[in-house]
Amino acid sequence: MVKLKIKKDDEIIVISGRDKGRRGQVKKVLPKENRVVVDGVNVVKRHVAPSQTEPQGGIQEREAPIHISNVALIDPSENTHTRVGYRMLEDGRKVRFARRSGEVMDV
């Protein structure tokens, strides 16, 4: 299992695959599978049988996980995709920064 540079609630853009170019917010990170679930991206239809939680059943649309290599973080200053790096601040905190602009992403 590798350390992922994308976290929950990050703003990302899809860089390859069926949803290339779409933007969204990360809803869930699955580090063991190297995948993320993004709001409005990789939407699939699932046939759901009636149950206690879903009394109606039927066909539902859900977001499926997408591989982490197919997404990139959005640079806050340039509004485009960027790679992520880490640096230590003067107060000793380790923060992520956008390699494209150098701007710190963690507040």
Protein backbone atom coordinates (compact mmCIF):
# COMPACT_ATOMS: atom_id res chain seq x y z
CA MET A 1 0.00 0.00 0.00
CA VAL A 2 1.47 3.34 -1.06
CA LYS A 3 0.83 6.77 0.44
CA LEU A 4 -1.78 8.61 -1.59
CA LYS A 5 -1.38 12.31 -2.25
CA ILE A 6 -5.10 12.85 -2.80
CA LYS A 7 -7.39 13.20 0.21
CA LYS A 8 -11.11 13.42 0.87
CA ASP A 9 -12.76 16.75 -0.17
CA ASP A 10 -9.93 17.57 -2.64
CA GLU A 11 -10.93 19.14 -5.96
CA ILE A 12 -9.71 16.91 -8.81
CA ILE A 13 -9.86 16.55 -12.58
CA VAL A 14 -9.99 13.26 -14.50
CA ILE A 15 -6.98 13.05 -16.84
CA SER A 16 -7.78 9.81 -18.68
CA GLY A 17 -10.61 7.42 -19.38
CA ARG A 18 -14.28 7.73 -20.22
CA ASP A 19 -14.79 10.82 -18.01
CA LYS A 20 -11.65 12.70 -19.13
CA GLY A 21 -11.88 16.43 -18.38
CA ARG A 22 -14.60 16.14 -15.76
CA ARG A 23 -14.05 17.81 -12.41
CA GLY A 24 -15.37 16.85 -9.03
CA GLN A 25 -14.78 16.54 -5.33
CA VAL A 26 -13.37 13.39 -3.74
CA LYS A 27 -16.05 11.69 -1.62
CA LYS A 28 -14.06 8.67 -0.47
CA VAL A 29 -10.48 7.37 -0.71
CA LEU A 30 -9.78 3.63 -0.89
CA PRO A 31 -6.04 3.37 -0.17
CA LYS A 32 -5.82 -0.45 -0.25
CA GLU A 33 -7.23 -0.47 -3.78
CA ASN A 34 -5.50 2.77 -4.96
CA ARG A 35 -8.89 4.19 -5.94
CA VAL A 36 -11.04 7.22 -5.18
CA VAL A 37 -14.78 7.87 -5.43
CA VAL A 38 -15.47 11.25 -7.03
CA ASP A 39 -18.78 13.12 -7.00
CA GLY A 40 -20.41 12.89 -10.46
CA VAL A 41 -17.57 10.92 -12.08
CA ASN A 42 -17.65 7.27 -13.29
CA VAL A 43 -21.41 6.97 -12.73
CA VAL A 44 -22.70 3.43 -13.28
CA LYS A 45 -26.17 1.86 -13.12
CA ARG A 46 -26.84 -0.86 -10.57
CA HIS A 47 -29.88 -3.12 -10.37
CA VAL A 48 -31.03 -3.10 -6.75
CA ALA A 49 -33.41 -5.71 -5.34
CA PRO A 50 -36.07 -4.51 -2.89
CA SER A 51 -34.82 -4.72 0.70
CA GLN A 52 -35.32 -3.13 4.10
CA THR A 53 -33.05 -0.19 3.22
CA GLU A 54 -34.29 0.10 -0.40
CA PRO A 55 -37.99 -0.85 -0.35
CA GLN A 56 -38.55 0.34 -3.92
CA GLY A 57 -35.57 -1.40 -5.54
CA GLY A 58 -35.05 -0.76 -9.27
CA ILE A 59 -32.14 0.72 -11.21
CA GLN A 60 -29.95 3.23 -9.38
CA GLU A 61 -27.06 5.39 -10.53
CA ARG A 62 -23.98 5.37 -8.29
CA GLU A 63 -20.42 6.65 -8.47
CA ALA A 64 -17.96 3.79 -8.90
CA PRO A 65 -14.33 4.05 -7.74
CA ILE A 66 -11.78 5.32 -10.28
CA HIS A 67 -8.08 4.53 -10.20
CA ILE A 68 -5.94 7.18 -8.53
CA SER A 69 -3.59 7.35 -11.53
CA ASN A 70 -6.45 8.66 -13.69
CA VAL A 71 -7.05 11.76 -11.57
CA ALA A 72 -4.98 14.85 -10.73
CA LEU A 73 -5.42 17.62 -8.20
CA ILE A 74 -6.50 21.05 -9.40
CA ASP A 75 -4.02 23.86 -8.74
CA PRO A 76 -5.87 26.50 -6.68
CA SER A 77 -4.10 29.45 -8.32
CA GLU A 78 -4.02 28.36 -11.99
CA ASN A 79 -7.26 26.31 -12.02
CA THR A 80 -5.63 23.43 -13.94
CA HIS A 81 -4.22 20.03 -13.04
CA THR A 82 -0.96 19.72 -11.13
CA ARG A 83 1.29 17.21 -9.47
CA VAL A 84 1.68 17.25 -5.70
CA GLY A 85 4.78 17.63 -3.57
CA TYR A 86 5.49 17.88 0.14
CA ARG A 87 7.47 20.48 2.05
CA MET A 88 8.11 21.40 5.65
CA LEU A 89 7.03 24.83 6.90
CA GLU A 90 8.95 26.95 9.39
CA ASP A 91 6.62 25.87 12.20
CA GLY A 92 7.46 22.19 11.53
CA ARG A 93 4.25 21.19 9.72
CA LYS A 94 4.47 18.95 6.64
CA VAL A 95 2.11 20.29 3.94
CA ARG A 96 1.22 19.46 0.35
CA PHE A 97 1.98 21.99 -2.38
CA ALA A 98 1.17 22.31 -6.08
CA ARG A 99 4.25 21.64 -8.18
CA ARG A 100 2.93 23.80 -11.02
CA SER A 101 2.63 27.04 -9.03
CA GLY A 102 4.32 26.22 -5.73
CA GLU A 103 1.25 27.23 -3.76
CA VAL A 104 0.52 25.39 -0.49
CA MET A 105 -2.66 23.30 -0.73
CA ASP A 106 -3.15 22.35 2.94
CA VAL A 107 -4.41 25.09 5.21
